[in-house]
Amino acid sequence: MRSGAKVAIVGGVFAVVAGGVGYGGYNLWNGVTGGEKTVNSRSEDAPRSGPVTAEEITATSRDFLAAWAAGESDRAAQLTNDPVTAGPAVLSFKEGAKVTRAVITPGAAVGPKVPFTVRATISYEGVSKDLSYASELTVVRGLTTGRALVQWKPTVLHPKLTADGTLRTGEATSASVKAVDRDGDELSAEKYPSLGPVIAELRTRYGAKVGGSAGVETWIDSGSETAPDTPLLVLSKGKEAVLRTTIDADVQAAAEKAVKGYEKAAVAAIEPSTGAIRAVANSPADGFNTAFNGKQAPGSTMKIVTAAMMMQQGVATPGGRVECPPTVQWDGYTFHNLDDFKIDNGTLTDSFRRSCNTAFIKAITPLKAKGIHNTALGDTARRSFGIGLNWQVGVPAADGSVPASESVETAASYIGQGKITMSALNVASLSATVKNGGFLQPYLVARELDDREFAKAEPLSPEVASGLLRMMNAATRPNGTAAKAMAGVPSPKGAKTGSAEVGDQATSNSWFTGYSGNLAAASVVQSGGHGGDAAGPVVAQVLKAG
């Protein structure tokens, strides 16, 4: 460190102060070491124990942020509880991202957490721009040393940085594109946050194909062949090409708004007559694309497929009598209806409308005699609904799984539990298939862009198609589980509710799927409870926008 320089705080912003003159923040080329003994320097004392003190939190966060901003990666790393990992990461912030100056502004500590903002000046081949963002760190006590240390996480450096990711600046790895909706309106991550990861993936796959060229950018290299990189800053633009998607901007806006009220939720919308994806939204918006890639038990929304199987196998018809007792036994396990309700002298449509679990298990008993009870549901899911048939959407997307099962898992699968997994997109496709009378693989960009092969399934027979339409419509009428959520949705309409028990989760996941006119949608809200309570209003809001 240069003689006479010391760490100080000017107006809440860390600054290098020399001879009484405050410079505008830590400059990476100005060495800052702190120099003076802090509360961390306790070599003459026994290691401390217990919670970190306010004094320790202030001093440790100050010293770490100072070392980071000064580009002193080794010193910064030693102030963390994982110096082996932290050192290269902090060094990469300077050398990989080409940061020449960083101003870090700490906020008031909240317990052991210290929020802060970063304004990093990035310079590359004569061009400089600022990248600004907010993050936070947590101060903990070292397990062996007793020192107050920064708990190392990649998100300390940037909130979107992962353990495998690296900050980089240079020529972008993919061509520039402007994604637009089906009518040509621009789709930006700023306006539609859930589309950020989707647009990044589309850019990687199709930027060059539509005539774009790479510019100079700062991005997070995901370190994965399957996960897209995350753009952070454009220093100079490449040639931006237009990439048309199937998204409907109005439906997308409604989807974003609908899931925003939940901590963890996802929704997808499809045009039944074409398979075109009209919306995809997640909360949180910039993380994992649960709507496309989620693999969760779909609960009673699976009864759409089970009902189709029952009709195909001659087990029941929409107007035919089926038993709906309060409970039913299967291989020694007791399955219940909600609050052990029952339906006397009811039909399959009645059981579908009220989501009777026992009816969809008890009525399958004859399939045991045929020896197909463990596989029939999966056969119908694949053959009639395209589940598990390697969907080529245009970006990564799960296509659902309905594997063969046995014993109690077989019965559970009939009501959407067991080994079955689906995403919101998969479940939206169930409704779309019913509305259209046959499966059309969902897609986000035209297949002509890369000549990918779409998954195909057999059309539903007229009897099965009309039966499913009848039952899904019944669920939206009085005494139907979907009636409240779908009350203001235009006809023709149909829906199915679902709730799925997940591991040790105290409250079940809320599922809902439905259609209105030429739009189908599905949503899952983690720990949302009954399908009509949380996911139902999400789907209804999206359908109204269509």
Protein backbone atom coordinates (compact mmCIF):
# COMPACT_ATOMS: atom_id res chain seq x y z
CA MET A 1 0.00 0.00 0.00
CA ARG A 2 1.23 3.50 -0.78
CA SER A 3 2.56 5.43 2.21
CA GLY A 4 -0.05 7.56 3.92
CA ALA A 5 -3.11 5.79 2.48
CA LYS A 6 -5.68 4.23 4.77
CA VAL A 7 -9.22 2.84 4.65
CA ALA A 8 -12.01 5.28 5.38
CA ILE A 9 -15.70 5.68 4.65
CA VAL A 10 -16.82 8.89 2.96
CA GLY A 11 -20.54 9.51 2.76
CA GLY A 12 -21.22 5.80 3.18
CA VAL A 13 -19.11 4.88 0.15
CA PHE A 14 -15.83 3.05 0.66
CA ALA A 15 -13.05 5.28 -0.55
CA VAL A 16 -9.25 5.45 -0.62
CA VAL A 17 -8.21 8.46 1.38
CA ALA A 18 -4.68 9.88 1.01
CA GLY A 19 -3.53 13.16 2.55
CA GLY A 20 -7.13 14.02 3.49
CA VAL A 21 -8.46 13.86 -0.08
CA GLY A 22 -11.31 11.39 -0.75
CA TYR A 23 -11.34 9.68 -4.14
CA GLY A 24 -14.62 8.42 -5.54
CA GLY A 25 -14.38 4.84 -4.34
CA TYR A 26 -12.02 1.92 -4.26
CA ASN A 27 -9.96 1.87 -7.42
CA LEU A 28 -8.68 -1.55 -8.37
CA TRP A 29 -5.25 -0.12 -9.05
CA ASN A 30 -4.96 1.48 -5.60
CA GLY A 31 -3.76 -1.10 -3.06
CA VAL A 32 -5.83 -1.11 0.12
CA THR A 33 -4.90 -3.42 2.97
CA GLY A 34 -6.41 -1.81 6.03
CA GLY A 35 -3.06 -2.10 7.81
CA GLU A 36 -4.35 -1.45 11.30
CA LYS A 37 -5.34 -4.08 13.79
CA THR A 38 -9.07 -4.85 13.66
CA VAL A 39 -11.36 -6.98 15.81
CA ASN A 40 -10.30 -9.91 13.63
CA SER A 41 -6.69 -9.64 14.85
CA ARG A 42 -6.89 -11.62 18.04
CA SER A 43 -3.78 -13.78 17.84
CA GLU A 44 -2.98 -13.10 21.49
CA ASP A 45 -6.41 -14.18 22.66
CA ALA A 46 -8.25 -17.49 22.70
CA PRO A 47 -10.65 -18.00 19.76
CA ARG A 48 -13.95 -16.28 20.25
CA SER A 49 -17.24 -18.18 20.27
CA GLY A 50 -20.90 -17.30 20.08
CA PRO A 51 -22.70 -15.02 17.63
CA VAL A 52 -20.71 -12.37 15.80
CA THR A 53 -21.00 -8.90 17.31
CA ALA A 54 -22.12 -5.74 15.56
CA GLU A 55 -18.53 -4.45 15.75
CA GLU A 56 -17.23 -7.63 14.10
CA ILE A 57 -19.86 -7.45 11.36
CA THR A 58 -18.93 -3.86 10.54
CA ALA A 59 -15.18 -4.44 10.58
CA THR A 60 -15.21 -7.73 8.68
CA SER A 61 -17.54 -6.51 5.94
CA ARG A 62 -15.53 -3.29 5.63
CA ASP A 63 -12.21 -5.11 5.28
CA PHE A 64 -13.56 -7.66 2.83
CA LEU A 65 -15.25 -5.11 0.58
CA ALA A 66 -12.13 -2.95 0.67
CA ALA A 67 -9.87 -5.82 -0.38
CA TRP A 68 -12.29 -6.92 -3.09
CA ALA A 69 -12.60 -3.43 -4.53
CA ALA A 70 -8.84 -3.02 -4.45
CA GLY A 71 -8.38 -6.17 -6.50
CA GLU A 72 -6.57 -7.92 -3.65
CA SER A 73 -8.08 -11.34 -4.17
CA ASP A 74 -5.80 -13.18 -1.72
CA ARG A 75 -6.53 -10.77 1.10
CA ALA A 76 -10.27 -10.80 0.36
CA ALA A 77 -10.26 -14.59 0.29
CA GLN A 78 -8.61 -14.81 3.73
CA LEU A 79 -11.48 -12.80 5.12
CA THR A 80 -13.94 -15.54 4.08
CA ASN A 81 -14.68 -18.98 5.47
CA ASP A 82 -13.69 -20.59 2.13
CA PRO A 83 -10.51 -18.87 0.88
CA VAL A 84 -9.67 -21.66 -1.59
CA THR A 85 -12.87 -21.00 -3.56
CA ALA A 86 -13.21 -17.27 -2.90
CA GLY A 87 -9.71 -16.26 -4.07
CA PRO A 88 -10.00 -17.31 -7.74
CA ALA A 89 -13.56 -15.95 -7.89
CA VAL A 90 -12.55 -12.50 -6.66
CA LEU A 91 -9.56 -12.51 -9.01
CA SER A 92 -11.86 -13.37 -11.92
CA PHE A 93 -14.00 -10.36 -11.08
CA LYS A 94 -11.06 -8.14 -11.98
CA GLU A 95 -9.29 -10.12 -14.66
CA GLY A 96 -12.11 -12.13 -16.26
CA ALA A 97 -14.72 -9.39 -16.24
CA LYS A 98 -12.13 -6.68 -17.05
CA VAL A 99 -13.19 -4.46 -14.13
CA THR A 100 -10.88 -1.46 -13.79
CA ARG A 101 -12.64 0.31 -10.93
CA ALA A 102 -15.29 -0.59 -8.38
CA VAL A 103 -17.25 1.62 -6.02
CA ILE A 104 -18.95 -0.39 -3.28
CA THR A 105 -21.59 1.23 -1.10
CA PRO A 106 -22.58 -0.70 2.03
CA GLY A 107 -26.00 -0.43 3.58
CA ALA A 108 -27.03 -0.85 7.17
CA ALA A 109 -26.46 -4.33 8.56
CA VAL A 110 -29.54 -6.43 9.24
CA GLY A 111 -28.36 -8.91 11.81
CA PRO A 112 -25.25 -10.59 10.34
CA LYS A 113 -26.23 -9.61 6.76
CA VAL A 114 -24.76 -6.52 5.10
CA PRO A 115 -26.37 -5.32 1.86
CA PHE A 116 -24.29 -3.32 -0.58
CA THR A 117 -24.30 -1.92 -4.09
CA VAL A 118 -21.54 -2.23 -6.66
CA ARG A 119 -20.74 0.13 -9.52
CA ALA A 120 -18.06 -1.59 -11.55
CA THR A 121 -16.36 0.12 -14.49
CA ILE A 122 -15.65 -2.43 -17.21
CA SER A 123 -13.10 -1.58 -19.88
CA TYR A 124 -12.37 -3.61 -23.02
CA GLU A 125 -10.56 -2.56 -26.18
CA GLY A 126 -11.01 1.15 -25.53
CA VAL A 127 -14.67 0.98 -24.49
CA SER A 128 -15.73 1.51 -20.87
CA LYS A 129 -19.16 1.16 -19.29
CA ASP A 130 -20.48 0.85 -15.76
CA LEU A 131 -22.25 -2.23 -14.45
CA SER A 132 -24.35 -1.55 -11.35
CA TYR A 133 -26.13 -4.03 -9.12
CA ALA A 134 -26.96 -4.89 -5.52
CA SER A 135 -25.94 -7.89 -3.44
CA GLU A 136 -25.32 -8.84 0.18
CA LEU A 137 -22.91 -10.75 2.38
CA THR A 138 -23.27 -12.55 5.68
CA VAL A 139 -20.70 -12.49 8.48
CA VAL A 140 -20.26 -15.73 10.45
CA ARG A 141 -17.84 -17.00 13.05
CA GLY A 142 -15.12 -19.34 11.81
CA LEU A 143 -15.57 -22.85 13.12
CA THR A 144 -11.92 -23.37 14.06
CA THR A 145 -10.41 -19.88 14.31
CA GLY A 146 -13.29 -18.13 16.03
CA ARG A 147 -12.69 -15.17 13.70
CA ALA A 148 -15.52 -13.19 12.17
CA LEU A 149 -15.50 -14.09 8.45
CA VAL A 150 -17.60 -13.50 5.37
CA GLN A 151 -19.64 -16.60 4.55
CA TRP A 152 -18.51 -17.33 1.02
CA LYS A 153 -21.14 -17.67 -1.68
CA PRO A 154 -20.74 -16.82 -5.38
CA THR A 155 -23.73 -14.49 -5.04
CA VAL A 156 -21.59 -12.18 -2.94
CA LEU A 157 -19.82 -11.12 -6.14
CA HIS A 158 -23.02 -10.98 -8.19
CA PRO A 159 -26.56 -12.13 -7.29
CA LYS A 160 -26.82 -14.24 -10.46
CA LEU A 161 -23.44 -15.94 -10.12
CA THR A 162 -23.50 -19.69 -9.45
CA ALA A 163 -20.86 -22.06 -8.15
CA ASP A 164 -20.00 -23.15 -11.70
CA GLY A 165 -20.31 -19.69 -13.21
CA THR A 166 -17.62 -17.16 -14.09
CA LEU A 167 -17.81 -13.45 -14.88
CA ARG A 168 -16.36 -12.68 -18.30
CA THR A 169 -16.01 -9.77 -20.69
CA GLY A 170 -15.14 -10.11 -24.37
CA GLU A 171 -16.70 -11.00 -27.67
CA ALA A 172 -20.07 -12.56 -26.88
CA THR A 173 -20.38 -16.31 -27.31
CA SER A 174 -23.65 -15.96 -29.25
CA ALA A 175 -25.08 -13.59 -31.83
CA SER A 176 -27.31 -10.67 -30.91
CA VAL A 177 -31.05 -11.06 -31.39
CA LYS A 178 -34.18 -9.07 -30.74
CA ALA A 179 -36.87 -11.50 -29.67
CA VAL A 180 -40.37 -10.48 -30.69
CA ASP A 181 -43.81 -11.88 -30.01
CA ARG A 182 -46.14 -13.33 -32.63
CA ASP A 183 -47.21 -9.82 -33.71
CA GLY A 184 -43.68 -8.42 -33.90
CA ASP A 185 -43.66 -6.58 -30.54
CA GLU A 186 -40.28 -6.71 -28.78
CA LEU A 187 -39.90 -9.03 -25.82
CA SER A 188 -37.32 -7.77 -23.36
CA ALA A 189 -36.21 -9.27 -20.06
CA GLU A 190 -36.76 -5.88 -18.45
CA LYS A 191 -40.44 -5.83 -19.36
CA TYR A 192 -41.02 -9.59 -19.10
CA PRO A 193 -38.56 -10.88 -16.45
CA SER A 194 -39.49 -14.55 -16.84
CA LEU A 195 -38.41 -14.43 -20.47
CA GLY A 196 -34.83 -13.46 -19.56
CA PRO A 197 -33.46 -17.02 -19.37
CA VAL A 198 -35.64 -18.06 -22.31
CA ILE A 199 -34.36 -15.27 -24.56
CA ALA A 200 -30.78 -16.07 -23.55
CA GLU A 201 -31.28 -19.68 -24.63
CA LEU A 202 -32.98 -18.66 -27.88
CA ARG A 203 -30.10 -16.32 -28.62
CA THR A 204 -27.56 -19.12 -28.14
CA ARG A 205 -29.49 -21.54 -30.34
CA TYR A 206 -30.80 -19.29 -33.07
CA GLY A 207 -28.92 -15.97 -33.10
CA ALA A 208 -26.59 -16.93 -35.94
CA LYS A 209 -29.36 -18.80 -37.79
CA VAL A 210 -31.44 -15.64 -38.13
CA GLY A 211 -28.48 -13.50 -39.22
CA GLY A 212 -27.22 -11.96 -36.00
CA SER A 213 -23.55 -11.35 -35.13
CA ALA A 214 -21.76 -11.14 -31.78
CA GLY A 215 -20.93 -7.91 -29.98
CA VAL A 216 -18.74 -7.22 -26.93
CA GLU A 217 -20.43 -7.99 -23.64
CA THR A 218 -20.03 -8.84 -19.99
CA TRP A 219 -21.76 -12.05 -19.06
CA ILE A 220 -21.86 -14.91 -16.59
CA ASP A 221 -20.43 -18.01 -18.20
CA SER A 222 -22.64 -20.78 -16.82
CA GLY A 223 -19.88 -23.36 -17.03
CA SER A 224 -22.43 -25.83 -18.38
CA GLU A 225 -23.18 -27.14 -21.84
CA THR A 226 -26.89 -27.23 -21.07
CA ALA A 227 -27.45 -23.98 -19.13
CA PRO A 228 -27.35 -20.70 -21.09
CA ASP A 229 -24.95 -17.88 -20.26
CA THR A 230 -26.44 -14.80 -18.57
CA PRO A 231 -25.80 -11.45 -20.31
CA LEU A 232 -25.14 -8.57 -17.91
CA LEU A 233 -23.85 -5.61 -19.96
CA VAL A 234 -23.43 -4.70 -23.63
CA LEU A 235 -20.30 -2.70 -24.32
CA SER A 236 -20.75 -2.65 -28.09
CA LYS A 237 -23.57 -4.20 -30.06
CA GLY A 238 -23.23 -6.78 -32.76
CA LYS A 239 -25.69 -7.06 -35.62
CA GLU A 240 -29.06 -7.61 -33.99
CA ALA A 241 -31.35 -9.97 -35.87
CA VAL A 242 -35.08 -10.38 -35.27
CA LEU A 243 -36.24 -13.72 -33.86
CA ARG A 244 -39.99 -14.25 -33.91
CA THR A 245 -41.49 -16.36 -31.15
CA THR A 246 -44.99 -17.67 -30.51
CA ILE A 247 -45.39 -15.59 -27.33
CA ASP A 248 -48.41 -13.28 -27.09
CA ALA A 249 -47.25 -10.12 -25.30
CA ASP A 250 -50.64 -9.51 -23.64
CA VAL A 251 -50.92 -13.06 -22.34
CA GLN A 252 -47.28 -12.97 -21.23
CA ALA A 253 -47.87 -9.76 -19.27
CA ALA A 254 -50.86 -11.36 -17.53
CA ALA A 255 -48.82 -14.45 -16.72
CA GLU A 256 -45.98 -12.40 -15.22
CA LYS A 257 -48.42 -10.49 -13.05
CA ALA A 258 -50.31 -13.61 -11.98
CA VAL A 259 -47.30 -15.50 -10.56
CA LYS A 260 -45.63 -12.46 -9.04
CA GLY A 261 -47.75 -12.70 -5.91
CA TYR A 262 -46.30 -16.07 -4.95
CA GLU A 263 -42.82 -16.95 -3.73
CA LYS A 264 -42.60 -20.03 -5.96
CA ALA A 265 -45.03 -20.42 -8.84
CA ALA A 266 -45.08 -21.19 -12.55
CA VAL A 267 -47.58 -20.94 -15.40
CA ALA A 268 -47.59 -21.80 -19.09
CA ALA A 269 -50.16 -21.12 -21.80
CA ILE A 270 -50.68 -22.85 -25.17
CA GLU A 271 -52.90 -22.27 -28.21
CA PRO A 272 -54.71 -25.64 -28.57
CA SER A 273 -55.31 -25.38 -32.32
CA THR A 274 -51.60 -25.00 -33.14
CA GLY A 275 -49.50 -25.93 -30.07
CA ALA A 276 -47.97 -22.43 -30.07
CA ILE A 277 -46.78 -21.38 -26.61
CA ARG A 278 -48.38 -18.04 -25.74
CA ALA A 279 -46.83 -17.43 -22.30
CA VAL A 280 -44.36 -18.77 -19.77
CA ALA A 281 -43.82 -17.18 -16.37
CA ASN A 282 -42.08 -18.10 -13.15
CA SER A 283 -41.63 -16.72 -9.67
CA PRO A 284 -38.82 -16.09 -9.01
CA ALA A 285 -38.55 -14.79 -12.54
CA ASP A 286 -34.82 -15.04 -13.21
CA GLY A 287 -34.08 -18.47 -11.83
CA PHE A 288 -34.89 -22.03 -12.86
CA ASN A 289 -37.55 -22.24 -15.57
CA THR A 290 -39.99 -24.34 -13.56
CA ALA A 291 -42.80 -23.81 -16.06
CA PHE A 292 -40.84 -25.70 -18.73
CA ASN A 293 -38.41 -27.88 -16.78
CA GLY A 294 -40.19 -28.65 -13.52
CA LYS A 295 -40.61 -32.31 -12.65
CA GLN A 296 -43.30 -32.48 -10.01
CA ALA A 297 -46.25 -34.70 -9.18
CA PRO A 298 -49.27 -33.07 -10.93
CA GLY A 299 -51.90 -34.23 -8.44
CA SER A 300 -55.49 -34.55 -9.60
CA THR A 301 -54.90 -32.72 -12.88
CA MET A 302 -53.71 -36.20 -13.91
CA LYS A 303 -57.31 -37.37 -13.71
CA ILE A 304 -57.69 -35.96 -17.23
CA VAL A 305 -55.40 -38.73 -18.45
CA THR A 306 -56.88 -41.31 -16.07
CA ALA A 307 -60.40 -40.51 -17.30
CA ALA A 308 -59.24 -40.92 -20.90
CA MET A 309 -57.67 -44.27 -20.03
CA MET A 310 -60.86 -45.41 -18.31
CA MET A 311 -62.92 -44.61 -21.40
CA GLN A 312 -60.38 -46.20 -23.76
CA GLN A 313 -60.30 -49.38 -21.67
CA GLY A 314 -64.09 -49.58 -21.37
CA VAL A 315 -63.95 -49.16 -17.59
CA ALA A 316 -66.36 -46.20 -17.45
CA THR A 317 -68.17 -43.58 -19.51
CA PRO A 318 -68.94 -39.96 -18.57
CA GLY A 319 -72.57 -40.76 -17.82
CA GLY A 320 -71.95 -44.22 -16.41
CA ARG A 321 -72.24 -45.03 -12.71
CA VAL A 322 -69.05 -45.23 -10.66
CA GLU A 323 -68.65 -45.62 -6.93
CA CYS A 324 -67.19 -42.76 -4.89
CA PRO A 325 -66.87 -44.01 -1.29
CA PRO A 326 -65.07 -41.98 1.41
CA THR A 327 -62.07 -44.33 1.31
CA VAL A 328 -60.73 -47.17 -0.81
CA GLN A 329 -58.15 -49.88 -0.14
CA TRP A 330 -55.38 -50.82 -2.56
CA ASP A 331 -52.83 -53.46 -1.58
CA GLY A 332 -53.34 -52.70 2.09
CA TYR A 333 -53.13 -48.91 1.81
CA THR A 334 -56.13 -46.65 2.43
CA PHE A 335 -56.74 -43.74 0.06
CA HIS A 336 -59.08 -40.95 1.16
CA ASN A 337 -61.17 -38.24 -0.42
CA LEU A 338 -60.84 -34.70 0.92
CA ASP A 339 -62.57 -34.74 4.30
CA ASP A 340 -63.73 -38.30 3.41
CA PHE A 341 -66.62 -37.04 1.30
CA LYS A 342 -68.67 -39.48 -0.80
CA ILE A 343 -71.00 -39.33 -3.78
CA ASP A 344 -74.04 -41.56 -3.78
CA ASN A 345 -75.25 -42.93 -7.13
CA GLY A 346 -72.86 -40.68 -9.02
CA THR A 347 -71.40 -40.82 -12.50
CA LEU A 348 -67.82 -40.53 -13.71
CA THR A 349 -68.59 -36.90 -14.57
CA ASP A 350 -69.77 -36.28 -11.01
CA SER A 351 -66.55 -37.77 -9.63
CA PHE A 352 -64.43 -35.72 -12.03
CA ARG A 353 -66.31 -32.53 -11.18
CA ARG A 354 -65.73 -32.98 -7.44
CA SER A 355 -62.31 -34.66 -7.85
CA CYS A 356 -63.18 -37.92 -6.13
CA ASN A 357 -59.94 -39.83 -5.53
CA THR A 358 -61.56 -43.10 -4.62
CA ALA A 359 -63.61 -43.31 -7.83
CA PHE A 360 -60.49 -43.03 -9.99
CA ILE A 361 -58.83 -45.82 -8.01
CA LYS A 362 -61.72 -48.19 -7.32
CA ALA A 363 -62.97 -48.19 -10.92
CA ILE A 364 -59.57 -49.35 -12.22
CA THR A 365 -59.78 -52.65 -10.33
CA PRO A 366 -60.94 -54.59 -13.44
CA LEU A 367 -57.65 -53.75 -15.16
CA LYS A 368 -55.88 -55.94 -12.60
CA ALA A 369 -57.55 -58.95 -14.12
CA LYS A 370 -56.22 -57.94 -17.53
CA GLY A 371 -52.71 -57.50 -16.12
CA ILE A 372 -52.37 -53.96 -17.53
CA HIS A 373 -53.12 -51.89 -14.42
CA ASN A 374 -49.44 -51.00 -13.95
CA THR A 375 -48.84 -49.78 -17.51
CA ALA A 376 -52.18 -48.62 -18.98
CA LEU A 377 -51.93 -45.06 -17.66
CA GLY A 378 -48.47 -44.51 -19.11
CA ASP A 379 -49.61 -45.97 -22.45
CA THR A 380 -52.49 -43.49 -22.64
CA ALA A 381 -50.27 -40.60 -21.55
CA ARG A 382 -47.81 -41.29 -24.36
CA ARG A 383 -50.16 -42.46 -27.10
CA SER A 384 -52.92 -39.85 -26.63
CA PHE A 385 -51.24 -36.91 -24.86
CA GLY A 386 -47.65 -37.02 -26.13
CA ILE A 387 -46.18 -37.24 -22.63
CA GLY A 388 -42.59 -38.50 -22.63
CA LEU A 389 -42.11 -38.21 -26.39
CA ASN A 390 -39.05 -35.94 -26.52
CA TRP A 391 -40.64 -32.56 -27.12
CA GLN A 392 -38.62 -30.17 -29.31
CA VAL A 393 -39.94 -26.85 -28.05
CA GLY A 394 -37.01 -24.68 -29.18
CA VAL A 395 -35.51 -24.36 -25.69
CA PRO A 396 -34.93 -27.04 -23.05
CA ALA A 397 -38.23 -28.41 -21.76
CA ALA A 398 -39.21 -31.56 -19.91
CA ASP A 399 -41.83 -33.68 -21.65
CA GLY A 400 -43.25 -35.39 -18.57
CA SER A 401 -42.94 -38.93 -17.27
CA VAL A 402 -45.57 -41.57 -16.49
CA PRO A 403 -43.52 -44.71 -15.86
CA ALA A 404 -44.80 -48.19 -15.16
CA SER A 405 -45.51 -48.73 -11.48
CA GLU A 406 -46.62 -51.41 -9.09
CA SER A 407 -48.65 -51.98 -5.93
CA VAL A 408 -49.64 -48.81 -4.04
CA GLU A 409 -47.71 -46.57 -6.47
CA THR A 410 -50.01 -47.74 -9.25
CA ALA A 411 -53.10 -46.53 -7.41
CA ALA A 412 -51.35 -43.29 -6.47
CA SER A 413 -50.46 -42.65 -10.10
CA TYR A 414 -54.15 -42.64 -11.09
CA ILE A 415 -54.56 -39.48 -9.00
CA GLY A 416 -51.29 -37.86 -10.05
CA GLN A 417 -48.95 -39.00 -7.31
CA GLY A 418 -46.43 -41.86 -7.20
CA LYS A 419 -43.61 -41.62 -9.74
CA ILE A 420 -45.41 -39.30 -12.17
CA THR A 421 -43.69 -35.98 -12.90
CA MET A 422 -44.84 -33.07 -15.03
CA SER A 423 -44.23 -29.38 -15.62
CA ALA A 424 -46.78 -26.61 -15.98
CA LEU A 425 -46.21 -26.79 -19.75
CA ASN A 426 -46.97 -30.54 -19.75
CA VAL A 427 -50.18 -30.05 -17.80
CA ALA A 428 -51.25 -27.11 -19.97
CA SER A 429 -50.80 -29.45 -22.92
CA LEU A 430 -53.28 -31.89 -21.34
CA SER A 431 -55.98 -29.21 -21.48
CA ALA A 432 -54.89 -28.14 -24.96
CA THR A 433 -55.14 -31.74 -26.18
CA VAL A 434 -58.67 -32.06 -24.81
CA LYS A 435 -59.77 -28.75 -26.35
CA ASN A 436 -58.22 -29.59 -29.73
CA GLY A 437 -59.26 -33.24 -29.79
CA GLY A 438 -55.65 -34.32 -30.21
CA PHE A 439 -52.09 -33.59 -29.13
CA LEU A 440 -50.03 -30.93 -30.90
CA GLN A 441 -46.53 -30.57 -29.51
CA PRO A 442 -46.03 -27.17 -27.85
CA TYR A 443 -43.39 -24.99 -29.50
CA LEU A 444 -41.82 -21.57 -28.96
CA VAL A 445 -40.18 -20.94 -32.33
CA ALA A 446 -41.02 -22.28 -35.78
CA ARG A 447 -39.64 -25.71 -36.57
CA GLU A 448 -38.36 -24.40 -39.91
CA LEU A 449 -35.55 -22.59 -38.09
CA ASP A 450 -33.70 -25.85 -37.50
CA ASP A 451 -35.88 -28.57 -39.04
CA ARG A 452 -36.38 -30.22 -35.68
CA GLU A 453 -38.89 -33.05 -35.51
CA PHE A 454 -42.01 -32.50 -33.42
CA ALA A 455 -43.43 -35.24 -31.21
CA LYS A 456 -46.64 -36.79 -32.50
CA ALA A 457 -49.48 -38.70 -30.84
CA GLU A 458 -52.71 -40.33 -31.95
CA PRO A 459 -55.82 -38.13 -32.01
CA LEU A 460 -58.41 -38.74 -29.33
CA SER A 461 -61.42 -40.71 -30.50
CA PRO A 462 -64.58 -38.59 -30.85
CA GLU A 463 -66.12 -40.38 -27.86
CA VAL A 464 -63.12 -39.77 -25.59
CA ALA A 465 -62.67 -36.18 -26.77
CA SER A 466 -66.31 -35.24 -26.20
CA GLY A 467 -66.33 -37.07 -22.85
CA LEU A 468 -63.30 -35.15 -21.57
CA LEU A 469 -64.75 -31.84 -22.75
CA ARG A 470 -67.97 -32.65 -20.92
CA MET A 471 -66.18 -33.52 -17.68
CA MET A 472 -63.81 -30.55 -17.73
CA ASN A 473 -66.72 -28.21 -18.37
CA ALA A 474 -68.63 -29.79 -15.48
CA ALA A 475 -65.76 -28.94 -13.14
CA THR A 476 -66.35 -25.23 -13.85
CA ARG A 477 -70.07 -25.40 -13.03
CA PRO A 478 -71.77 -25.19 -9.59
CA ASN A 479 -70.37 -27.74 -7.12
CA GLY A 480 -67.33 -28.19 -9.36
CA THR A 481 -63.90 -27.78 -7.79
CA ALA A 482 -62.95 -25.25 -10.49
CA ALA A 483 -66.18 -23.24 -10.39
CA LYS A 484 -64.95 -20.37 -8.21
CA ALA A 485 -61.66 -19.82 -10.04
CA MET A 486 -63.26 -20.02 -13.51
CA ALA A 487 -66.34 -17.92 -12.68
CA GLY A 488 -65.31 -14.92 -14.78
CA VAL A 489 -63.59 -16.85 -17.59
CA PRO A 490 -65.42 -16.76 -20.96
CA SER A 491 -67.02 -19.90 -22.38
CA PRO A 492 -66.49 -22.39 -23.88
CA LYS A 493 -64.35 -23.40 -20.97
CA GLY A 494 -63.20 -26.37 -18.93
CA ALA A 495 -60.80 -27.03 -16.08
CA LYS A 496 -59.36 -29.48 -13.58
CA THR A 497 -57.99 -28.80 -10.11
CA GLY A 498 -55.22 -30.66 -8.36
CA SER A 499 -53.19 -30.74 -5.18
CA ALA A 500 -50.06 -32.84 -4.82
CA GLU A 501 -48.45 -33.97 -1.59
CA VAL A 502 -44.67 -33.59 -1.77
CA GLY A 503 -42.33 -35.30 0.69
CA ASP A 504 -42.27 -33.64 4.11
CA GLN A 505 -43.84 -30.43 2.77
CA ALA A 506 -46.51 -29.33 5.27
CA THR A 507 -48.88 -27.95 2.62
CA SER A 508 -49.54 -29.57 -0.73
CA ASN A 509 -48.64 -27.97 -4.06
CA SER A 510 -51.55 -26.28 -5.79
CA TRP A 511 -52.21 -27.29 -9.41
CA PHE A 512 -54.80 -26.06 -11.89
CA THR A 513 -55.32 -26.38 -15.62
CA GLY A 514 -58.04 -25.13 -17.92
CA TYR A 515 -58.99 -23.78 -21.32
CA SER A 516 -61.12 -20.94 -22.63
CA GLY A 517 -61.70 -20.37 -26.32
CA ASN A 518 -58.43 -21.08 -28.11
CA LEU A 519 -56.14 -20.82 -25.08
CA ALA A 520 -55.16 -23.44 -22.51
CA ALA A 521 -53.02 -22.89 -19.42
CA ALA A 522 -51.72 -24.62 -16.30
CA SER A 523 -50.10 -23.41 -13.12
CA VAL A 524 -48.38 -24.86 -10.07
CA VAL A 525 -47.91 -22.91 -6.84
CA GLN A 526 -45.56 -24.49 -4.33
CA SER A 527 -47.27 -25.05 -0.97
CA GLY A 528 -50.35 -23.35 -2.38
CA GLY A 529 -52.83 -25.90 -1.01
CA HIS A 530 -56.00 -26.74 -2.92
CA GLY A 531 -55.86 -26.26 -6.68
CA GLY A 532 -58.64 -23.71 -6.85
CA ASP A 533 -57.17 -21.56 -4.09
CA ALA A 534 -53.79 -20.53 -5.53
CA ALA A 535 -53.08 -21.98 -8.98
CA GLY A 536 -56.70 -21.50 -10.07
CA PRO A 537 -56.68 -17.69 -9.96
CA VAL A 538 -53.31 -17.69 -11.79
CA VAL A 539 -54.73 -19.72 -14.69
CA ALA A 540 -57.95 -17.70 -14.74
CA GLN A 541 -56.01 -14.44 -15.03
CA VAL A 542 -54.02 -15.81 -17.96
CA LEU A 543 -57.08 -17.20 -19.76
CA LYS A 544 -58.90 -13.87 -19.44
CA ALA A 545 -55.98 -12.16 -21.18
CA GLY A 546 -56.40 -14.46 -24.20
